[in-house]
Amino acid sequence: MKRFKKQYMVNVSEKMFYKALTNQSMVSQWSGAPAVMSDEVEATFSLWSGSIVGVNLKVAANTLEQQWKEKNWTGYSKVLFEWKTGPAGLEVTLIHTDIPESSFQNIKRGWDEHYMNPLITWLESNNL
């Protein structure tokens, strides 16, 4: 199993970043695909029309921890988002653990191409 960690800078408030991760309507908007999402602990979620499914493990003002599973995986991986306001904007840390070796390169690329870049572009272009 592999681990991926990356930091991002976002020009948005902590509250808006939290909402963009946990509000079903917002997730569907920035991802461009149907999503099921909640800000409740133990709630299940689905991204990209079910390509990714999971469960919220921890939901707090500056932390979101989830179990993640691609539909073809046998087990779950774990994703942790942590964020805080710094001098240059919102500092976001993403940690994804227990990634199957065979999926690692696609997951690594997918975080930027399909998740974080669209999310950041949507937040910043909408001045949220």
Protein backbone atom coordinates (compact mmCIF):
# COMPACT_ATOMS: atom_id res chain seq x y z
CA MET A 1 0.00 0.00 0.00
CA LYS A 2 1.19 3.49 -0.85
CA ARG A 3 0.88 6.94 0.71
CA PHE A 4 0.45 10.30 -1.04
CA LYS A 5 0.85 13.72 0.58
CA LYS A 6 0.64 17.13 -1.05
CA GLN A 7 0.09 20.72 0.03
CA TYR A 8 -1.96 23.30 -1.84
CA MET A 9 -2.51 27.05 -1.48
CA VAL A 10 -6.03 28.38 -1.97
CA ASN A 11 -7.31 31.97 -1.90
CA VAL A 12 -10.53 31.26 -0.04
CA SER A 13 -11.79 31.29 3.55
CA GLU A 14 -11.61 28.21 5.78
CA LYS A 15 -15.41 28.16 6.00
CA MET A 16 -15.87 28.22 2.22
CA PHE A 17 -13.28 25.49 1.68
CA TYR A 18 -15.10 23.33 4.22
CA LYS A 19 -18.41 23.91 2.44
CA ALA A 20 -16.89 23.11 -0.96
CA LEU A 21 -15.80 19.71 0.38
CA THR A 22 -18.98 18.83 2.27
CA ASN A 23 -21.92 20.50 0.51
CA GLN A 24 -23.48 18.17 -2.06
CA SER A 25 -24.52 20.93 -4.46
CA MET A 26 -21.09 22.59 -4.37
CA VAL A 27 -19.26 19.29 -4.88
CA SER A 28 -21.40 18.57 -7.94
CA GLN A 29 -20.67 22.06 -9.30
CA TRP A 30 -16.88 22.00 -9.04
CA SER A 31 -16.53 18.33 -10.00
CA GLY A 32 -18.91 18.62 -12.95
CA ALA A 33 -20.54 15.30 -12.04
CA PRO A 34 -23.32 14.02 -9.79
CA ALA A 35 -22.24 13.69 -6.16
CA VAL A 36 -23.73 12.55 -2.89
CA MET A 37 -22.05 14.32 0.03
CA SER A 38 -22.79 15.29 3.61
CA ASP A 39 -21.05 16.99 6.52
CA GLU A 40 -22.20 14.29 8.94
CA VAL A 41 -19.84 11.76 10.53
CA GLU A 42 -20.56 8.20 9.32
CA ALA A 43 -22.46 9.52 6.29
CA THR A 44 -21.70 7.72 3.05
CA PHE A 45 -20.71 9.66 -0.05
CA SER A 46 -20.31 9.12 -3.77
CA LEU A 47 -18.28 11.15 -6.25
CA TRP A 48 -18.21 11.18 -10.05
CA SER A 49 -21.43 9.18 -10.41
CA GLY A 50 -20.19 6.46 -8.07
CA SER A 51 -16.62 6.08 -9.32
CA ILE A 52 -15.47 6.92 -5.78
CA VAL A 53 -17.48 5.94 -2.70
CA GLY A 54 -16.76 6.24 0.99
CA VAL A 55 -17.67 7.22 4.51
CA ASN A 56 -16.98 10.39 6.50
CA LEU A 57 -14.90 9.46 9.55
CA LYS A 58 -14.24 12.92 10.99
CA VAL A 59 -15.80 16.24 10.04
CA ALA A 60 -14.57 19.38 11.79
CA ALA A 61 -14.06 23.08 11.05
CA ASN A 62 -10.58 22.50 9.59
CA THR A 63 -10.43 18.72 9.07
CA LEU A 64 -12.17 16.16 6.90
CA GLU A 65 -11.21 12.50 7.17
CA GLN A 66 -12.83 9.91 4.93
CA GLN A 67 -12.62 6.30 3.89
CA TRP A 68 -12.28 6.21 0.08
CA LYS A 69 -12.74 3.37 -2.35
CA GLU A 70 -12.67 3.21 -6.12
CA LYS A 71 -15.44 0.96 -7.35
CA ASN A 72 -12.94 -1.71 -8.47
CA TRP A 73 -10.98 -1.81 -5.18
CA THR A 74 -11.61 -4.55 -2.63
CA GLY A 75 -10.79 -2.40 0.41
CA TYR A 76 -10.83 1.21 1.54
CA SER A 77 -8.06 3.77 1.61
CA LYS A 78 -8.07 6.80 3.91
CA VAL A 79 -8.08 10.47 2.89
CA LEU A 80 -7.34 13.34 5.26
CA PHE A 81 -7.76 17.03 4.42
CA GLU A 82 -6.45 19.59 6.91
CA TRP A 83 -6.42 23.34 6.35
CA LYS A 84 -5.47 26.55 8.11
CA THR A 85 -5.12 30.17 7.17
CA GLY A 86 -1.52 31.22 6.61
CA PRO A 87 0.19 34.42 5.49
CA ALA A 88 -0.24 33.58 1.78
CA GLY A 89 -3.77 32.17 1.95
CA LEU A 90 -5.38 28.92 2.94
CA GLU A 91 -2.83 26.14 3.39
CA VAL A 92 -4.40 22.76 2.56
CA THR A 93 -2.69 19.46 3.31
CA LEU A 94 -3.96 16.32 1.63
CA ILE A 95 -2.84 12.90 2.87
CA HIS A 96 -4.09 9.75 1.14
CA THR A 97 -2.98 6.42 2.67
CA ASP A 98 -3.52 2.73 1.96
CA ILE A 99 -3.58 3.26 -1.80
CA PRO A 100 -3.21 0.01 -3.75
CA GLU A 101 0.17 -0.13 -5.48
CA SER A 102 -1.46 -0.75 -8.88
CA SER A 103 -3.56 2.44 -8.58
CA PHE A 104 -0.97 4.79 -7.10
CA GLN A 105 0.10 6.70 -10.23
CA ASN A 106 -3.50 7.22 -11.36
CA ILE A 107 -4.53 8.39 -7.89
CA LYS A 108 -1.55 10.72 -7.60
CA ARG A 109 -2.35 12.31 -10.99
CA GLY A 110 -6.09 12.29 -10.32
CA TRP A 111 -5.82 14.39 -7.17
CA ASP A 112 -4.53 17.31 -9.22
CA GLU A 113 -6.38 16.77 -12.50
CA HIS A 114 -9.80 15.75 -11.22
CA TYR A 115 -10.08 16.97 -7.64
CA MET A 116 -7.87 19.76 -6.33
CA ASN A 117 -7.28 21.79 -9.51
CA PRO A 118 -11.00 21.90 -10.45
CA LEU A 119 -11.92 22.64 -6.82
CA ILE A 120 -9.40 25.47 -6.46
CA THR A 121 -10.25 26.94 -9.88
CA TRP A 122 -13.98 26.87 -9.08
CA LEU A 123 -13.50 28.47 -5.64
CA GLU A 124 -11.16 31.19 -6.84
CA SER A 125 -13.02 32.00 -10.08
CA ASN A 126 -16.29 32.38 -8.19
CA ASN A 127 -14.66 34.61 -5.53
CA LEU A 128 -16.03 32.40 -2.77
